[in-house]
Amino acid sequence: MKLAGVKALGFDVFGTVVDWRNGVARDAAPFLQRHGNADADPLAFADAWRRQYQPAMERVRSQGRPFTKLDILHRENLDIILPDFGIDPASVPAVELDELNLAWHRLDPWPDVVEGLTRLRRRFILVTLSNGNVRLMVDMARRAGLPWDAILGAEPARAYKPSPEAYLRTADMLGLKPEELCLVAAHNSDLAAARACGLKTAFVLRPKDQGLGQHTDLTPEQNWDVVSKDFRDLADQVAA
């Protein structure tokens, strides 16, 4: 049986479980219209916001900033990108910016996700292993019906992926050896970091994660323990 000895699955969330790009664009569109930039592409806005994601976390991972939860980083990143779309952050009420920041809490799962997770939960403990903070993950799960057994990952571990602590502390919080936890992700780099820590790995193809022009993560780059086309296929392979 595939994933023999594995007791829990930890899921990357942004891109693997939920469609971050279209979800953020959906909330950005009326915001841009209200603030005089109706011609701006909401998807480009989402992409610009997402591009600040890794640099913000890198300031925590390696540049000495104390651990700061993702909601705060997202909010700071919003202020950074607004001038690129002709909007002065100081001209927008803070409450409105805070509300737009909650777009990340309202992302929709891919169509196969809830069914696949429900089937996988019959065999495995299911947890988040995401850089998203706890409240963000809770709000998303409640809205979308995601059947997590626990919200783990960056905030509980106080470390952002791909730092080893994010993976190893998640396994430890579950009382598991690293090889008893499998990361499920659509991103080869995330899986490589998890494998280096001793975790099992499951690649899920998400060809629309980064939009129509996606050019990365379209194929598995290593011999991952499981390769699947979606969560239904993953369940067929490991929880049938």
C-alpha atoms as a PDB file:
ATOM      1  CA  MET A   1       0.000   0.000   0.000  1.00  0.00           C
ATOM      2  CA  LYS A   2       1.262   3.463  -0.848  1.00  0.00           C
ATOM      3  CA  LEU A   3       2.326   5.612   2.111  1.00  0.00           C
ATOM      4  CA  ALA A   4       2.669   2.556   4.351  1.00  0.00           C
ATOM      5  CA  GLY A   5       3.546   3.715   7.857  1.00  0.00           C
ATOM      6  CA  VAL A   6       2.204   7.223   7.282  1.00  0.00           C
ATOM      7  CA  LYS A   7      -0.318   8.300   9.914  1.00  0.00           C
ATOM      8  CA  ALA A   8      -1.017  11.912   8.952  1.00  0.00           C
ATOM      9  CA  LEU A   9      -1.147  14.090   5.862  1.00  0.00           C
ATOM     10  CA  GLY A  10      -0.057  17.707   6.123  1.00  0.00           C
ATOM     11  CA  PHE A  11      -1.333  19.954   3.358  1.00  0.00           C
ATOM     12  CA  ASP A  12       0.141  22.976   1.737  1.00  0.00           C
ATOM     13  CA  VAL A  13      -2.907  25.202   1.285  1.00  0.00           C
ATOM     14  CA  PHE A  14      -2.354  28.184  -1.051  1.00  0.00           C
ATOM     15  CA  GLY A  15      -2.470  26.756  -4.554  1.00  0.00           C
ATOM     16  CA  THR A  16      -2.715  23.129  -3.439  1.00  0.00           C
ATOM     17  CA  VAL A  17      -6.043  23.255  -1.591  1.00  0.00           C
ATOM     18  CA  VAL A  18      -7.432  26.651  -2.619  1.00  0.00           C
ATOM     19  CA  ASP A  19      -7.401  28.874  -5.691  1.00  0.00           C
ATOM     20  CA  TRP A  20      -5.709  31.941  -4.208  1.00  0.00           C
ATOM     21  CA  ARG A  21      -5.392  33.852  -7.489  1.00  0.00           C
ATOM     22  CA  ASN A  22      -9.036  34.033  -8.513  1.00  0.00           C
ATOM     23  CA  GLY A  23     -10.191  34.454  -4.927  1.00  0.00           C
ATOM     24  CA  VAL A  24      -8.017  37.503  -4.310  1.00  0.00           C
ATOM     25  CA  ALA A  25      -8.921  38.950  -7.725  1.00  0.00           C
ATOM     26  CA  ARG A  26     -12.634  38.588  -6.928  1.00  0.00           C
ATOM     27  CA  ASP A  27     -12.295  40.836  -3.882  1.00  0.00           C
ATOM     28  CA  ALA A  28      -9.813  43.183  -5.542  1.00  0.00           C
ATOM     29  CA  ALA A  29     -12.071  44.027  -8.503  1.00  0.00           C
ATOM     30  CA  PRO A  30     -14.662  46.152  -6.630  1.00  0.00           C
ATOM     31  CA  PHE A  31     -11.919  47.709  -4.505  1.00  0.00           C
ATOM     32  CA  LEU A  32     -10.076  48.871  -7.627  1.00  0.00           C
ATOM     33  CA  GLN A  33     -13.302  50.248  -9.098  1.00  0.00           C
ATOM     34  CA  ARG A  34     -14.082  52.233  -5.948  1.00  0.00           C
ATOM     35  CA  HIS A  35     -10.649  53.792  -5.948  1.00  0.00           C
ATOM     36  CA  GLY A  36     -10.520  55.014  -9.510  1.00  0.00           C
ATOM     37  CA  ASN A  37      -8.672  52.214 -11.213  1.00  0.00           C
ATOM     38  CA  ALA A  38     -11.467  50.214 -12.819  1.00  0.00           C
ATOM     39  CA  ASP A  39      -9.241  49.451 -15.819  1.00  0.00           C
ATOM     40  CA  ALA A  40      -6.706  47.584 -13.687  1.00  0.00           C
ATOM     41  CA  ASP A  41      -6.603  43.808 -14.063  1.00  0.00           C
ATOM     42  CA  PRO A  42      -7.668  42.219 -10.750  1.00  0.00           C
ATOM     43  CA  LEU A  43      -5.643  39.126 -11.584  1.00  0.00           C
ATOM     44  CA  ALA A  44      -2.539  41.267 -12.059  1.00  0.00           C
ATOM     45  CA  PHE A  45      -3.299  42.809  -8.675  1.00  0.00           C
ATOM     46  CA  ALA A  46      -3.483  39.341  -7.116  1.00  0.00           C
ATOM     47  CA  ASP A  47      -0.207  38.369  -8.771  1.00  0.00           C
ATOM     48  CA  ALA A  48       1.510  41.525  -7.543  1.00  0.00           C
ATOM     49  CA  TRP A  49       0.322  40.905  -3.989  1.00  0.00           C
ATOM     50  CA  ARG A  50       1.484  37.294  -4.124  1.00  0.00           C
ATOM     51  CA  ARG A  51       4.934  38.308  -5.406  1.00  0.00           C
ATOM     52  CA  GLN A  52       5.563  40.022  -2.076  1.00  0.00           C
ATOM     53  CA  TYR A  53       4.811  36.779  -0.191  1.00  0.00           C
ATOM     54  CA  GLN A  54       8.240  35.118  -0.279  1.00  0.00           C
ATOM     55  CA  PRO A  55      10.276  38.312   0.277  1.00  0.00           C
ATOM     56  CA  ALA A  56       8.178  39.120   3.354  1.00  0.00           C
ATOM     57  CA  MET A  57       8.679  35.659   4.824  1.00  0.00           C
ATOM     58  CA  GLU A  58      12.368  35.723   3.965  1.00  0.00           C
ATOM     59  CA  ARG A  59      12.770  38.731   6.242  1.00  0.00           C
ATOM     60  CA  VAL A  60      11.506  36.472   9.020  1.00  0.00           C
ATOM     61  CA  ARG A  61      13.397  33.345   7.966  1.00  0.00           C
ATOM     62  CA  SER A  62      16.857  34.779   7.501  1.00  0.00           C
ATOM     63  CA  GLN A  63      16.987  38.513   8.153  1.00  0.00           C
ATOM     64  CA  GLY A  64      16.303  38.587  11.860  1.00  0.00           C
ATOM     65  CA  ARG A  65      12.696  39.742  11.968  1.00  0.00           C
ATOM     66  CA  PRO A  66      10.785  38.045  14.806  1.00  0.00           C
ATOM     67  CA  PHE A  67       8.107  35.607  13.711  1.00  0.00           C
ATOM     68  CA  THR A  68       5.200  37.629  12.344  1.00  0.00           C
ATOM     69  CA  LYS A  69       1.973  35.951  11.301  1.00  0.00           C
ATOM     70  CA  LEU A  70       0.963  35.969   7.677  1.00  0.00           C
ATOM     71  CA  ASP A  71      -2.077  38.219   8.114  1.00  0.00           C
ATOM     72  CA  ILE A  72       0.274  40.998   9.188  1.00  0.00           C
ATOM     73  CA  LEU A  73       2.700  40.327   6.341  1.00  0.00           C
ATOM     74  CA  HIS A  74      -0.154  40.328   3.816  1.00  0.00           C
ATOM     75  CA  ARG A  75      -1.404  43.646   5.172  1.00  0.00           C
ATOM     76  CA  GLU A  76       2.052  45.206   4.923  1.00  0.00           C
ATOM     77  CA  ASN A  77       2.453  43.821   1.408  1.00  0.00           C
ATOM     78  CA  LEU A  78      -0.851  45.406   0.400  1.00  0.00           C
ATOM     79  CA  ASP A  79       0.521  48.833   1.287  1.00  0.00           C
ATOM     80  CA  ILE A  80       3.608  48.068  -0.808  1.00  0.00           C
ATOM     81  CA  ILE A  81       1.716  47.234  -4.010  1.00  0.00           C
ATOM     82  CA  LEU A  82      -1.098  49.803  -3.944  1.00  0.00           C
ATOM     83  CA  PRO A  83       1.020  52.645  -5.417  1.00  0.00           C
ATOM     84  CA  ASP A  84       1.762  50.403  -8.417  1.00  0.00           C
ATOM     85  CA  PHE A  85      -1.979  50.538  -9.141  1.00  0.00           C
ATOM     86  CA  GLY A  86      -2.240  54.293  -8.677  1.00  0.00           C
ATOM     87  CA  ILE A  87      -3.617  54.146  -5.133  1.00  0.00           C
ATOM     88  CA  ASP A  88      -2.083  55.935  -2.152  1.00  0.00           C
ATOM     89  CA  PRO A  89      -2.602  53.656   0.888  1.00  0.00           C
ATOM     90  CA  ALA A  90      -2.962  56.733   3.091  1.00  0.00           C
ATOM     91  CA  SER A  91      -6.002  57.801   1.064  1.00  0.00           C
ATOM     92  CA  VAL A  92      -7.928  54.607   1.851  1.00  0.00           C
ATOM     93  CA  PRO A  93      -9.574  54.092   5.256  1.00  0.00           C
ATOM     94  CA  ALA A  94      -7.638  51.493   7.243  1.00  0.00           C
ATOM     95  CA  VAL A  95     -10.814  49.533   7.872  1.00  0.00           C
ATOM     96  CA  GLU A  96     -11.283  49.094   4.122  1.00  0.00           C
ATOM     97  CA  LEU A  97      -7.725  47.875   3.656  1.00  0.00           C
ATOM     98  CA  ASP A  98      -8.145  45.480   6.551  1.00  0.00           C
ATOM     99  CA  GLU A  99     -11.292  44.117   4.920  1.00  0.00           C
ATOM    100  CA  LEU A 100      -9.519  43.597   1.605  1.00  0.00           C
ATOM    101  CA  ASN A 101      -6.763  41.790   3.477  1.00  0.00           C
ATOM    102  CA  LEU A 102      -9.380  39.247   4.529  1.00  0.00           C
ATOM    103  CA  ALA A 103      -9.669  38.164   0.892  1.00  0.00           C
ATOM    104  CA  TRP A 104      -7.058  35.574   1.818  1.00  0.00           C
ATOM    105  CA  HIS A 105      -9.524  34.138   4.372  1.00  0.00           C
ATOM    106  CA  ARG A 106     -12.233  33.702   1.724  1.00  0.00           C
ATOM    107  CA  LEU A 107     -10.498  31.583  -0.896  1.00  0.00           C
ATOM    108  CA  ASP A 108     -12.386  28.794  -2.651  1.00  0.00           C
ATOM    109  CA  PRO A 109     -11.122  25.208  -2.745  1.00  0.00           C
ATOM    110  CA  TRP A 110     -10.491  23.479  -6.045  1.00  0.00           C
ATOM    111  CA  PRO A 111     -13.535  21.405  -7.086  1.00  0.00           C
ATOM    112  CA  ASP A 112     -12.000  18.058  -6.083  1.00  0.00           C
ATOM    113  CA  VAL A 113     -10.831  19.109  -2.625  1.00  0.00           C
ATOM    114  CA  VAL A 114     -13.698  18.532  -0.190  1.00  0.00           C
ATOM    115  CA  GLU A 115     -14.582  15.119  -1.604  1.00  0.00           C
ATOM    116  CA  GLY A 116     -10.943  14.087  -1.684  1.00  0.00           C
ATOM    117  CA  LEU A 117     -10.228  15.251   1.861  1.00  0.00           C
ATOM    118  CA  THR A 118     -13.324  13.491   3.178  1.00  0.00           C
ATOM    119  CA  ARG A 119     -12.132  10.218   1.692  1.00  0.00           C
ATOM    120  CA  LEU A 120      -8.531  10.690   2.827  1.00  0.00           C
ATOM    121  CA  ARG A 121      -9.675  11.376   6.391  1.00  0.00           C
ATOM    122  CA  ARG A 122     -10.951   7.797   6.657  1.00  0.00           C
ATOM    123  CA  ARG A 123      -7.328   6.611   6.739  1.00  0.00           C
ATOM    124  CA  PHE A 124      -5.227   9.580   7.838  1.00  0.00           C
ATOM    125  CA  ILE A 125      -5.143  12.457  10.282  1.00  0.00           C
ATOM    126  CA  LEU A 126      -5.475  15.615   8.153  1.00  0.00           C
ATOM    127  CA  VAL A 127      -3.723  18.838   9.153  1.00  0.00           C
ATOM    128  CA  THR A 128      -2.684  22.046   7.499  1.00  0.00           C
ATOM    129  CA  LEU A 129       1.035  22.447   6.945  1.00  0.00           C
ATOM    130  CA  SER A 130       0.771  25.941   5.535  1.00  0.00           C
ATOM    131  CA  ASN A 131       2.415  29.307   5.976  1.00  0.00           C
ATOM    132  CA  GLY A 132      -1.043  30.712   6.679  1.00  0.00           C
ATOM    133  CA  ASN A 133      -1.740  31.736  10.259  1.00  0.00           C
ATOM    134  CA  VAL A 134      -4.250  29.925  12.443  1.00  0.00           C
ATOM    135  CA  ARG A 135      -7.192  32.348  12.162  1.00  0.00           C
ATOM    136  CA  LEU A 136      -6.771  32.570   8.397  1.00  0.00           C
ATOM    137  CA  MET A 137      -6.850  28.763   8.105  1.00  0.00           C
ATOM    138  CA  VAL A 138      -9.830  28.472  10.466  1.00  0.00           C
ATOM    139  CA  ASP A 139     -11.882  31.061   8.580  1.00  0.00           C
ATOM    140  CA  MET A 140     -11.077  29.409   5.258  1.00  0.00           C
ATOM    141  CA  ALA A 141     -11.968  25.955   6.562  1.00  0.00           C
ATOM    142  CA  ARG A 142     -15.278  27.054   8.066  1.00  0.00           C
ATOM    143  CA  ARG A 143     -16.316  28.855   4.887  1.00  0.00           C
ATOM    144  CA  ALA A 144     -15.313  26.046   2.520  1.00  0.00           C
ATOM    145  CA  GLY A 145     -16.097  23.002   4.656  1.00  0.00           C
ATOM    146  CA  LEU A 146     -12.513  21.729   4.827  1.00  0.00           C
ATOM    147  CA  PRO A 147     -12.411  18.789   7.281  1.00  0.00           C
ATOM    148  CA  TRP A 148      -9.090  19.382   9.031  1.00  0.00           C
ATOM    149  CA  ASP A 149      -8.322  17.541  12.261  1.00  0.00           C
ATOM    150  CA  ALA A 150      -5.948  20.320  13.320  1.00  0.00           C
ATOM    151  CA  ILE A 151      -4.560  23.651  12.114  1.00  0.00           C
ATOM    152  CA  LEU A 152      -0.787  23.352  12.202  1.00  0.00           C
ATOM    153  CA  GLY A 153       2.091  24.755  10.174  1.00  0.00           C
ATOM    154  CA  ALA A 154       3.912  28.057  10.379  1.00  0.00           C
ATOM    155  CA  GLU A 155       2.238  29.894  13.255  1.00  0.00           C
ATOM    156  CA  PRO A 156       2.165  26.947  15.704  1.00  0.00           C
ATOM    157  CA  ALA A 157       5.701  26.006  14.654  1.00  0.00           C
ATOM    158  CA  ARG A 158       6.869  29.660  14.702  1.00  0.00           C
ATOM    159  CA  ALA A 159       8.709  29.052  11.440  1.00  0.00           C
ATOM    160  CA  TYR A 160       7.918  29.575   7.769  1.00  0.00           C
ATOM    161  CA  LYS A 161       8.420  26.887   5.170  1.00  0.00           C
ATOM    162  CA  PRO A 162      10.835  25.858   3.799  1.00  0.00           C
ATOM    163  CA  SER A 163      12.655  26.179   7.136  1.00  0.00           C
ATOM    164  CA  PRO A 164      13.084  22.657   8.557  1.00  0.00           C
ATOM    165  CA  GLU A 165      11.405  23.656  11.803  1.00  0.00           C
ATOM    166  CA  ALA A 166       8.074  24.145  10.017  1.00  0.00           C
ATOM    167  CA  TYR A 167       7.990  20.488   8.988  1.00  0.00           C
ATOM    168  CA  LEU A 168       9.688  18.884  11.977  1.00  0.00           C
ATOM    169  CA  ARG A 169       7.740  20.778  14.637  1.00  0.00           C
ATOM    170  CA  THR A 170       4.488  19.898  12.879  1.00  0.00           C
ATOM    171  CA  ALA A 171       5.380  16.200  13.069  1.00  0.00           C
ATOM    172  CA  ASP A 172       6.406  16.613  16.703  1.00  0.00           C
ATOM    173  CA  MET A 173       3.125  18.334  17.624  1.00  0.00           C
ATOM    174  CA  LEU A 174       1.332  15.282  16.243  1.00  0.00           C
ATOM    175  CA  GLY A 175       3.562  12.943  18.229  1.00  0.00           C
ATOM    176  CA  LEU A 176       4.909  11.481  15.001  1.00  0.00           C
ATOM    177  CA  LYS A 177       8.273  10.651  13.523  1.00  0.00           C
ATOM    178  CA  PRO A 178       8.986  12.682  10.378  1.00  0.00           C
ATOM    179  CA  GLU A 179       8.482   9.643   8.143  1.00  0.00           C
ATOM    180  CA  GLU A 180       4.992   9.156   9.611  1.00  0.00           C
ATOM    181  CA  LEU A 181       3.901  12.514   8.180  1.00  0.00           C
ATOM    182  CA  CYS A 182       3.401  13.129   4.462  1.00  0.00           C
ATOM    183  CA  LEU A 183       3.347  16.589   2.915  1.00  0.00           C
ATOM    184  CA  VAL A 184       0.767  17.010   0.161  1.00  0.00           C
ATOM    185  CA  ALA A 185       1.675  19.924  -2.094  1.00  0.00           C
ATOM    186  CA  ALA A 186       1.511  21.226  -5.646  1.00  0.00           C
ATOM    187  CA  HIS A 187       4.966  22.804  -5.369  1.00  0.00           C
ATOM    188  CA  ASN A 188       8.123  20.813  -5.977  1.00  0.00           C
ATOM    189  CA  SER A 189      10.278  23.087  -3.825  1.00  0.00           C
ATOM    190  CA  ASP A 190       8.014  22.577  -0.803  1.00  0.00           C
ATOM    191  CA  LEU A 191       8.121  18.816  -1.270  1.00  0.00           C
ATOM    192  CA  ALA A 192      11.911  18.856  -1.629  1.00  0.00           C
ATOM    193  CA  ALA A 193      12.275  20.711   1.667  1.00  0.00           C
ATOM    194  CA  ALA A 194       9.905  18.275   3.383  1.00  0.00           C
ATOM    195  CA  ARG A 195      11.750  15.261   1.981  1.00  0.00           C
ATOM    196  CA  ALA A 196      15.052  16.679   3.264  1.00  0.00           C
ATOM    197  CA  CYS A 197      13.490  16.595   6.741  1.00  0.00           C
ATOM    198  CA  GLY A 198      12.463  12.961   6.391  1.00  0.00           C
ATOM    199  CA  LEU A 199       8.779  13.459   5.535  1.00  0.00           C
ATOM    200  CA  LYS A 200       6.993  11.439   2.884  1.00  0.00           C
ATOM    201  CA  THR A 201       5.802  13.399  -0.135  1.00  0.00           C
ATOM    202  CA  ALA A 202       2.736  13.557  -2.375  1.00  0.00           C
ATOM    203  CA  PHE A 203       2.656  15.795  -5.441  1.00  0.00           C
ATOM    204  CA  VAL A 204      -0.704  17.093  -6.684  1.00  0.00           C
ATOM    205  CA  LEU A 205      -0.882  18.752 -10.078  1.00  0.00           C
ATOM    206  CA  ARG A 206      -2.489  22.215 -10.032  1.00  0.00           C
ATOM    207  CA  PRO A 207      -1.907  23.630 -13.528  1.00  0.00           C
ATOM    208  CA  LYS A 208      -3.986  26.762 -12.841  1.00  0.00           C
ATOM    209  CA  ASP A 209      -2.324  27.692  -9.542  1.00  0.00           C
ATOM    210  CA  GLN A 210      -0.445  30.580 -11.151  1.00  0.00           C
ATOM    211  CA  GLY A 211      -2.846  31.332 -14.001  1.00  0.00           C
ATOM    212  CA  LEU A 212      -2.799  30.481 -17.691  1.00  0.00           C
ATOM    213  CA  GLY A 213       0.849  31.404 -18.056  1.00  0.00           C
ATOM    214  CA  GLN A 214       2.051  28.981 -15.389  1.00  0.00           C
ATOM    215  CA  HIS A 215       5.439  27.526 -16.246  1.00  0.00           C
ATOM    216  CA  THR A 216       6.503  25.859 -12.986  1.00  0.00           C
ATOM    217  CA  ASP A 217       5.237  22.824 -11.096  1.00  0.00           C
ATOM    218  CA  LEU A 218       3.575  21.365 -14.171  1.00  0.00           C
ATOM    219  CA  THR A 219       5.379  18.055 -13.650  1.00  0.00           C
ATOM    220  CA  PRO A 220       6.931  16.256 -10.676  1.00  0.00           C
ATOM    221  CA  GLU A 221      10.621  17.102 -10.486  1.00  0.00           C
ATOM    222  CA  GLN A 222      11.580  14.179  -8.260  1.00  0.00           C
ATOM    223  CA  ASN A 223      10.357  10.652  -7.668  1.00  0.00           C
ATOM    224  CA  TRP A 224       7.852  11.684  -5.021  1.00  0.00           C
ATOM    225  CA  ASP A 225       6.196   8.940  -2.981  1.00  0.00           C
ATOM    226  CA  VAL A 226       2.868   9.648  -4.677  1.00  0.00           C
ATOM    227  CA  VAL A 227       2.029  11.677  -7.793  1.00  0.00           C
ATOM    228  CA  SER A 228      -1.624  12.533  -8.428  1.00  0.00           C
ATOM    229  CA  LYS A 229      -3.664  14.695 -10.755  1.00  0.00           C
ATOM    230  CA  ASP A 230      -6.016  15.943  -7.992  1.00  0.00           C
ATOM    231  CA  PHE A 231      -7.316  15.025  -4.527  1.00  0.00           C
ATOM    232  CA  ARG A 232      -9.772  12.466  -5.871  1.00  0.00           C
ATOM    233  CA  ASP A 233      -6.925  10.694  -7.615  1.00  0.00           C
ATOM    234  CA  LEU A 234      -4.815  10.937  -4.449  1.00  0.00           C
ATOM    235  CA  ALA A 235      -7.615   9.290  -2.455  1.00  0.00           C
ATOM    236  CA  ASP A 236      -7.950   6.577  -5.102  1.00  0.00           C
ATOM    237  CA  GLN A 237      -4.265   5.801  -4.712  1.00  0.00           C
ATOM    238  CA  VAL A 238      -3.810   5.893  -0.939  1.00  0.00           C
ATOM    239  CA  ALA A 239      -7.228   5.622   0.713  1.00  0.00           C
ATOM    240  CA  ALA A 240      -9.306   3.413  -1.580  1.00  0.00           C
END
